[in-house]
Amino acid sequence: MEDMSVFKSYLRRLLQDLKDLKEALKNKEYEKASEMTDKLIEDTQKGIEDN
C-alpha cells in the first residue's frame, strides 16, 4: 500500500513537470524546455536503476 502512495506522489510530480514543460513550449522557451526534458529523462533513468 505504501508503494502505491509513493507511486502516486511520483505521478503528481511528473504531471506538474509535464504541465510546466508544455507551458515552456507554448511560450517558445525552447532552451528551458530542453533542460526540463533532460531532467525528466535523468530522473526517470535514476528511478529505473534504483529498482
Protein backbone atom coordinates (compact mmCIF):
# COMPACT_ATOMS: atom_id res chain seq x y z
CA MET A 1 0.00 0.00 0.00
CA GLU A 2 2.88 2.37 0.78
CA ASP A 3 4.30 1.67 -2.68
CA MET A 4 1.07 2.99 -4.19
CA SER A 5 1.40 6.25 -2.21
CA VAL A 6 4.97 6.69 -3.40
CA PHE A 7 3.94 5.98 -6.98
CA LYS A 8 1.03 8.45 -6.84
CA SER A 9 3.34 11.07 -5.41
CA TYR A 10 5.72 10.47 -8.31
CA LEU A 11 2.85 10.75 -10.79
CA ARG A 12 1.70 14.06 -9.30
CA ARG A 13 5.21 15.47 -9.64
CA LEU A 14 5.50 14.12 -13.18
CA LEU A 15 2.16 15.66 -14.13
CA GLN A 16 3.26 19.07 -12.84
CA ASP A 17 6.59 18.78 -14.66
CA LEU A 18 4.78 17.93 -17.90
CA LYS A 19 2.43 20.89 -17.49
CA ASP A 20 5.44 23.16 -16.92
CA LEU A 21 7.15 21.70 -19.98
CA LYS A 22 4.04 22.30 -22.09
CA GLU A 23 3.92 25.91 -20.88
CA ALA A 24 7.58 26.44 -21.74
CA LEU A 25 6.97 25.12 -25.25
CA LYS A 26 3.86 27.27 -25.62
CA ASN A 27 5.97 30.30 -24.69
CA LYS A 28 8.70 29.24 -27.15
CA GLU A 29 11.21 28.85 -24.32
CA TYR A 30 13.00 26.08 -26.16
CA GLU A 31 16.21 26.09 -24.12
CA LYS A 32 14.23 25.83 -20.90
CA ALA A 33 12.07 23.07 -22.39
CA SER A 34 15.17 21.17 -23.46
CA GLU A 35 16.66 21.43 -19.96
CA MET A 36 13.38 20.29 -18.42
CA THR A 37 13.24 17.31 -20.79
CA ASP A 38 16.81 16.36 -19.90
CA LYS A 39 15.90 16.48 -16.19
CA LEU A 40 12.82 14.31 -16.72
CA ILE A 41 14.91 11.76 -18.62
CA GLU A 42 17.63 11.79 -15.94
CA ASP A 43 15.12 11.39 -13.08
CA THR A 44 13.35 8.56 -14.89
CA GLN A 45 16.63 6.77 -15.60
CA LYS A 46 17.63 7.03 -11.93
CA GLY A 47 14.25 5.66 -10.88
CA ILE A 48 14.67 2.66 -13.17
CA GLU A 49 18.20 1.98 -11.96
CA ASP A 50 17.14 2.16 -8.28
CA ASN A 51 14.85 -0.87 -8.75
